[in-house]
N, C-alpha and C. Protein backbone atom coordinates (compact mmCIF):
# COMPACT_ATOMS: atom_id res chain seq x y z
N UNK A 1 58.89 123.31 70.05
CA UNK A 1 59.41 122.35 70.95
C UNK A 1 60.80 121.95 70.61
N UNK A 2 61.76 122.02 71.50
CA UNK A 2 63.14 121.70 71.22
C UNK A 2 63.40 120.20 71.24
N UNK A 3 64.49 119.74 70.77
CA UNK A 3 64.82 118.35 70.66
C UNK A 3 64.81 117.69 71.99
N UNK A 4 65.31 118.23 73.11
CA UNK A 4 65.39 117.67 74.37
C UNK A 4 63.98 117.38 74.89
N UNK A 5 63.16 118.40 74.67
CA UNK A 5 61.72 118.17 75.14
C UNK A 5 61.03 117.03 74.31
N UNK A 6 61.23 116.98 73.03
CA UNK A 6 60.70 115.99 72.20
C UNK A 6 61.17 114.62 72.69
N UNK A 7 62.48 114.55 73.05
CA UNK A 7 62.99 113.25 73.49
C UNK A 7 62.39 112.86 74.84
N UNK A 8 62.18 113.84 75.74
CA UNK A 8 61.55 113.60 77.01
C UNK A 8 60.15 113.02 76.84
N UNK A 9 59.40 113.68 75.99
CA UNK A 9 58.01 113.28 75.69
C UNK A 9 57.97 111.88 75.11
N UNK A 10 58.87 111.60 74.16
CA UNK A 10 58.93 110.29 73.56
C UNK A 10 59.30 109.21 74.56
N UNK A 11 60.21 109.47 75.41
CA UNK A 11 60.66 108.56 76.48
C UNK A 11 59.43 108.26 77.32
N UNK A 12 58.72 109.24 77.72
CA UNK A 12 57.53 108.98 78.55
C UNK A 12 56.45 108.17 77.87
N UNK A 13 56.23 108.46 76.66
CA UNK A 13 55.28 107.73 75.89
C UNK A 13 55.64 106.27 75.87
N UNK A 14 56.91 105.97 75.43
CA UNK A 14 57.29 104.58 75.37
C UNK A 14 57.31 103.93 76.83
N UNK A 15 57.67 104.66 77.84
CA UNK A 15 57.67 104.18 79.21
C UNK A 15 56.24 103.80 79.69
N UNK A 16 55.35 104.72 79.41
CA UNK A 16 53.95 104.45 79.80
C UNK A 16 53.42 103.24 79.13
N UNK A 17 53.62 103.15 77.82
CA UNK A 17 53.12 102.01 77.05
C UNK A 17 53.72 100.71 77.50
N UNK A 18 54.99 100.73 77.83
CA UNK A 18 55.61 99.54 78.30
C UNK A 18 55.02 99.22 79.71
N UNK A 19 54.90 100.09 80.49
CA UNK A 19 54.37 99.86 81.84
C UNK A 19 52.96 99.25 81.76
N UNK A 20 52.12 99.81 80.95
CA UNK A 20 50.78 99.25 80.73
C UNK A 20 50.87 97.92 80.22
N UNK A 21 51.67 97.60 79.25
CA UNK A 21 51.83 96.36 78.60
C UNK A 21 52.23 95.28 79.69
N UNK A 22 53.19 95.63 80.54
CA UNK A 22 53.63 94.64 81.45
C UNK A 22 52.69 94.37 82.56
N UNK A 23 51.99 95.41 83.02
CA UNK A 23 50.91 95.28 83.98
C UNK A 23 49.81 94.32 83.44
N UNK A 24 49.45 94.64 82.17
CA UNK A 24 48.38 93.93 81.58
C UNK A 24 48.76 92.41 81.30
N UNK A 25 50.07 92.20 81.12
CA UNK A 25 50.59 90.83 80.87
C UNK A 25 50.70 90.16 82.27
N UNK A 26 51.00 90.89 83.33
CA UNK A 26 51.21 90.30 84.61
C UNK A 26 49.90 89.82 85.25
N UNK A 27 48.87 90.61 85.16
CA UNK A 27 47.62 90.38 85.93
C UNK A 27 46.99 89.06 85.65
N UNK A 28 46.91 88.66 84.30
CA UNK A 28 46.25 87.25 84.07
C UNK A 28 47.12 86.16 84.63
N UNK A 29 48.35 86.38 84.73
CA UNK A 29 49.29 85.29 85.32
C UNK A 29 49.11 85.35 86.85
N UNK A 30 48.97 86.38 87.44
CA UNK A 30 48.68 86.37 88.96
C UNK A 30 47.36 85.74 89.21
N UNK A 31 46.36 86.03 88.31
CA UNK A 31 45.02 85.44 88.49
C UNK A 31 44.92 84.05 87.98
N UNK A 32 46.02 83.52 87.61
CA UNK A 32 46.13 82.07 87.14
C UNK A 32 45.05 81.74 86.03
N UNK A 33 45.01 82.56 85.05
CA UNK A 33 44.03 82.36 83.93
C UNK A 33 44.48 80.99 83.31
N UNK A 34 43.46 80.24 82.95
CA UNK A 34 43.70 78.87 82.57
C UNK A 34 44.67 78.79 81.28
N UNK A 35 44.57 79.69 80.35
CA UNK A 35 45.41 79.67 79.16
C UNK A 35 46.92 79.77 79.65
N UNK A 36 47.20 80.60 80.65
CA UNK A 36 48.57 80.81 81.17
C UNK A 36 49.00 79.53 81.95
N UNK A 37 48.10 78.99 82.71
CA UNK A 37 48.47 77.83 83.53
C UNK A 37 48.83 76.71 82.54
N UNK A 38 48.04 76.49 81.47
CA UNK A 38 48.36 75.52 80.58
C UNK A 38 49.65 75.71 79.91
N UNK A 39 49.88 76.95 79.49
CA UNK A 39 51.21 77.23 78.70
C UNK A 39 52.43 76.96 79.71
N UNK A 40 52.34 77.49 80.86
CA UNK A 40 53.48 77.26 81.77
C UNK A 40 53.65 75.73 82.06
N UNK A 41 52.56 75.05 82.25
CA UNK A 41 52.61 73.58 82.43
C UNK A 41 53.17 72.97 81.23
N UNK A 42 52.89 73.26 80.00
CA UNK A 42 53.49 72.71 78.91
C UNK A 42 54.94 72.99 78.75
N UNK A 43 55.37 74.11 79.23
CA UNK A 43 56.77 74.45 79.28
C UNK A 43 57.53 73.82 80.41
N UNK A 44 56.83 73.16 81.34
CA UNK A 44 57.45 72.47 82.48
C UNK A 44 57.66 73.25 83.69
N UNK A 45 56.96 74.47 83.74
CA UNK A 45 57.03 75.36 84.88
C UNK A 45 55.91 75.16 85.83
N UNK A 46 56.17 75.34 87.05
CA UNK A 46 55.16 75.19 88.10
C UNK A 46 54.19 76.36 88.12
N UNK A 47 53.00 76.24 88.70
CA UNK A 47 52.08 77.30 88.85
C UNK A 47 52.64 78.48 89.69
N UNK A 48 53.37 78.17 90.76
CA UNK A 48 53.92 79.24 91.55
C UNK A 48 54.81 80.14 90.70
N UNK A 49 55.50 79.53 89.68
CA UNK A 49 56.44 80.29 88.88
C UNK A 49 55.64 81.28 88.01
N UNK A 50 54.45 80.86 87.52
CA UNK A 50 53.56 81.60 86.81
C UNK A 50 53.19 82.89 87.58
N UNK A 51 52.78 82.61 88.80
CA UNK A 51 52.26 83.71 89.58
C UNK A 51 53.46 84.71 89.93
N UNK A 52 54.61 84.11 90.13
CA UNK A 52 55.87 84.92 90.47
C UNK A 52 56.20 85.78 89.34
N UNK A 53 56.19 85.18 88.10
CA UNK A 53 56.44 86.01 86.83
C UNK A 53 55.41 87.12 86.73
N UNK A 54 54.13 86.82 87.02
CA UNK A 54 53.13 87.88 86.87
C UNK A 54 53.30 88.98 87.81
N UNK A 55 53.67 88.66 89.08
CA UNK A 55 53.93 89.72 90.11
C UNK A 55 55.14 90.57 89.71
N UNK A 56 56.17 89.91 89.24
CA UNK A 56 57.35 90.62 88.82
C UNK A 56 57.19 91.45 87.55
N UNK A 57 56.26 91.00 86.67
CA UNK A 57 55.95 91.87 85.51
C UNK A 57 55.10 93.15 85.92
N UNK A 58 54.23 92.95 86.86
CA UNK A 58 53.45 94.11 87.39
C UNK A 58 54.36 95.01 88.16
N UNK A 59 55.29 94.50 89.01
CA UNK A 59 56.23 95.32 89.80
C UNK A 59 57.11 96.05 88.76
N UNK A 60 57.70 95.37 87.74
CA UNK A 60 58.58 96.03 86.90
C UNK A 60 57.86 97.15 86.05
N UNK A 61 56.65 96.85 85.67
CA UNK A 61 55.88 97.94 84.96
C UNK A 61 55.72 99.14 85.79
N UNK A 62 55.38 98.94 87.11
CA UNK A 62 55.21 100.09 87.98
C UNK A 62 56.49 100.74 88.23
N UNK A 63 57.55 100.14 88.37
CA UNK A 63 58.89 100.64 88.65
C UNK A 63 59.31 101.54 87.41
N UNK A 64 58.91 101.13 86.23
CA UNK A 64 59.27 101.98 85.04
C UNK A 64 58.66 103.34 85.14
N UNK A 65 57.62 103.54 85.84
CA UNK A 65 56.95 104.84 85.86
C UNK A 65 57.56 105.83 86.92
N UNK A 66 58.58 105.35 87.73
CA UNK A 66 59.21 106.12 88.68
C UNK A 66 60.70 106.28 88.24
N UNK A 67 60.97 107.45 87.73
CA UNK A 67 62.40 107.63 87.15
C UNK A 67 63.46 107.17 88.07
N UNK A 68 63.36 107.34 89.27
CA UNK A 68 64.49 106.99 90.26
C UNK A 68 64.72 105.53 90.30
N UNK A 69 63.63 104.70 90.05
CA UNK A 69 63.83 103.21 90.11
C UNK A 69 63.46 102.59 88.71
N UNK A 70 63.34 103.38 87.69
CA UNK A 70 63.03 102.84 86.43
C UNK A 70 64.19 102.00 85.93
N UNK A 71 65.46 102.24 86.24
CA UNK A 71 66.48 101.35 85.70
C UNK A 71 66.47 99.97 86.36
N UNK A 72 66.31 99.79 87.68
CA UNK A 72 66.15 98.42 88.18
C UNK A 72 64.91 97.79 87.69
N UNK A 73 63.76 98.51 87.47
CA UNK A 73 62.69 97.95 86.85
C UNK A 73 62.90 97.46 85.44
N UNK A 74 63.75 98.20 84.68
CA UNK A 74 64.08 97.81 83.30
C UNK A 74 65.00 96.57 83.31
N UNK A 75 65.86 96.48 84.27
CA UNK A 75 66.73 95.27 84.33
C UNK A 75 65.93 94.11 84.67
N UNK A 76 64.99 94.19 85.66
CA UNK A 76 64.09 93.13 86.01
C UNK A 76 63.32 92.59 84.76
N UNK A 77 62.66 93.50 84.15
CA UNK A 77 61.81 93.13 82.94
C UNK A 77 62.68 92.63 81.87
N UNK A 78 63.95 93.11 81.72
CA UNK A 78 64.87 92.57 80.67
C UNK A 78 65.22 91.16 80.99
N UNK A 79 65.44 90.80 82.23
CA UNK A 79 65.74 89.46 82.58
C UNK A 79 64.51 88.56 82.27
N UNK A 80 63.31 89.03 82.69
CA UNK A 80 62.11 88.21 82.33
C UNK A 80 61.99 88.01 80.77
N UNK A 81 62.27 89.04 80.02
CA UNK A 81 62.03 88.90 78.56
C UNK A 81 63.13 87.98 78.03
N UNK A 82 64.29 88.01 78.57
CA UNK A 82 65.42 87.02 78.11
C UNK A 82 64.94 85.60 78.42
N UNK A 83 64.34 85.50 79.60
CA UNK A 83 63.80 84.14 80.04
C UNK A 83 62.64 83.68 79.09
N UNK A 84 61.77 84.66 78.72
CA UNK A 84 60.69 84.33 77.82
C UNK A 84 61.26 83.92 76.39
N UNK A 85 62.26 84.63 75.94
CA UNK A 85 62.87 84.24 74.62
C UNK A 85 63.43 82.85 74.75
N UNK A 86 64.12 82.60 75.79
CA UNK A 86 64.76 81.25 76.01
C UNK A 86 63.69 80.26 76.01
N UNK A 87 62.64 80.40 76.78
CA UNK A 87 61.57 79.44 76.91
C UNK A 87 60.94 79.08 75.61
N UNK A 88 60.65 80.13 74.80
CA UNK A 88 60.06 79.82 73.48
C UNK A 88 61.05 79.13 72.46
N UNK A 89 62.30 79.50 72.46
CA UNK A 89 63.23 78.80 71.62
C UNK A 89 63.43 77.36 72.16
N UNK A 90 63.61 77.16 73.43
CA UNK A 90 63.90 75.86 73.98
C UNK A 90 62.70 74.90 73.67
N UNK A 91 61.54 75.45 73.54
CA UNK A 91 60.34 74.62 73.36
C UNK A 91 59.89 74.67 71.92
N UNK A 92 60.83 74.91 70.99
CA UNK A 92 60.50 74.82 69.54
C UNK A 92 59.48 75.88 69.07
N UNK A 93 59.48 77.05 69.74
CA UNK A 93 58.55 78.18 69.38
C UNK A 93 59.27 79.36 69.03
N UNK A 94 60.38 79.21 68.23
CA UNK A 94 61.25 80.34 68.01
C UNK A 94 60.53 81.55 67.46
N UNK A 95 59.51 81.43 66.71
CA UNK A 95 58.87 82.53 66.10
C UNK A 95 58.14 83.33 67.17
N UNK A 96 57.74 82.60 68.25
CA UNK A 96 57.07 83.30 69.40
C UNK A 96 57.96 84.13 70.26
N UNK A 97 59.24 83.92 70.06
CA UNK A 97 60.29 84.69 70.76
C UNK A 97 60.47 86.06 70.25
N UNK A 98 59.80 86.41 69.15
CA UNK A 98 60.02 87.76 68.56
C UNK A 98 59.30 88.89 69.42
N UNK A 99 58.14 88.53 69.97
CA UNK A 99 57.40 89.53 70.88
C UNK A 99 58.26 89.91 72.05
N UNK A 100 58.69 88.87 72.90
CA UNK A 100 59.55 89.29 74.04
C UNK A 100 60.89 89.88 73.67
N UNK A 101 61.32 89.59 72.48
CA UNK A 101 62.58 90.20 71.98
C UNK A 101 62.28 91.67 71.69
N UNK A 102 61.16 92.02 71.05
CA UNK A 102 60.80 93.36 70.77
C UNK A 102 60.63 94.16 72.07
N UNK A 103 59.97 93.51 73.03
CA UNK A 103 59.77 94.17 74.35
C UNK A 103 61.08 94.44 75.01
N UNK A 104 62.03 93.44 74.83
CA UNK A 104 63.38 93.61 75.39
C UNK A 104 64.08 94.81 74.80
N UNK A 105 63.92 94.95 73.53
CA UNK A 105 64.56 96.21 72.91
C UNK A 105 64.03 97.51 73.50
N UNK A 106 62.75 97.62 73.71
CA UNK A 106 62.17 98.85 74.28
C UNK A 106 62.51 98.97 75.79
N UNK A 107 62.62 97.89 76.51
CA UNK A 107 63.04 97.96 77.91
C UNK A 107 64.45 98.36 77.99
N UNK A 108 65.36 97.94 77.12
CA UNK A 108 66.74 98.40 77.10
C UNK A 108 66.91 99.84 76.82
N UNK A 109 66.02 100.36 75.82
CA UNK A 109 65.98 101.83 75.54
C UNK A 109 65.59 102.60 76.77
N UNK A 110 64.53 102.21 77.46
CA UNK A 110 64.09 102.96 78.59
C UNK A 110 65.12 102.79 79.80
N UNK A 111 65.64 101.56 79.93
CA UNK A 111 66.66 101.39 81.02
C UNK A 111 67.92 102.22 80.71
N UNK A 112 68.30 102.27 79.47
CA UNK A 112 69.55 103.13 79.14
C UNK A 112 69.22 104.61 79.41
N UNK A 113 68.07 105.07 79.04
CA UNK A 113 67.72 106.46 79.26
C UNK A 113 67.59 106.78 80.74
N UNK A 114 67.23 105.87 81.57
CA UNK A 114 66.98 106.05 82.97
C UNK A 114 68.18 105.50 83.81
N UNK A 115 69.23 105.16 83.22
CA UNK A 115 70.35 104.56 83.91
C UNK A 115 70.89 105.62 84.98
N UNK A 116 71.49 105.16 86.06
CA UNK A 116 72.03 106.07 87.02
C UNK A 116 73.25 106.72 86.37
N UNK A 117 73.42 107.99 86.70
CA UNK A 117 74.58 108.75 86.20
C UNK A 117 75.32 109.28 87.36
N UNK A 118 76.63 109.31 87.20
CA UNK A 118 77.42 109.87 88.22
C UNK A 118 77.37 111.35 88.21
N UNK A 119 77.28 111.97 89.31
CA UNK A 119 77.27 113.47 89.36
C UNK A 119 78.67 113.96 89.55
N UNK A 120 78.96 115.07 88.94
CA UNK A 120 80.33 115.69 89.03
C UNK A 120 80.58 116.31 90.48
N UNK A 121 81.71 116.05 91.01
CA UNK A 121 82.00 116.50 92.32
C UNK A 121 82.69 117.79 92.29
């Protein structure tokens, strides 16, 4: 297997794992699971915002799986992860910001790999 092929396989593995993680993170929010309702309430966010974040996480996860729209999906998820980091830090939960920060790193990697490229004319 050549290096390009290994890179492609690695990119797909990371992409699929990220997509699954974001869909699995979004579903409980959309379903308004009590633990999430309580957390968002403690942070000062409305329940509609919880559902919106859940929907956007699911959408972003699905978009990652389609190479043509993976870049906008990565941007969407990156913004959500920045917001999650901010929320944790602003609420005195700095150590909790590490998980969204780690997800952000992987989202940036996938977004960079799937970024639109100009074609030669």
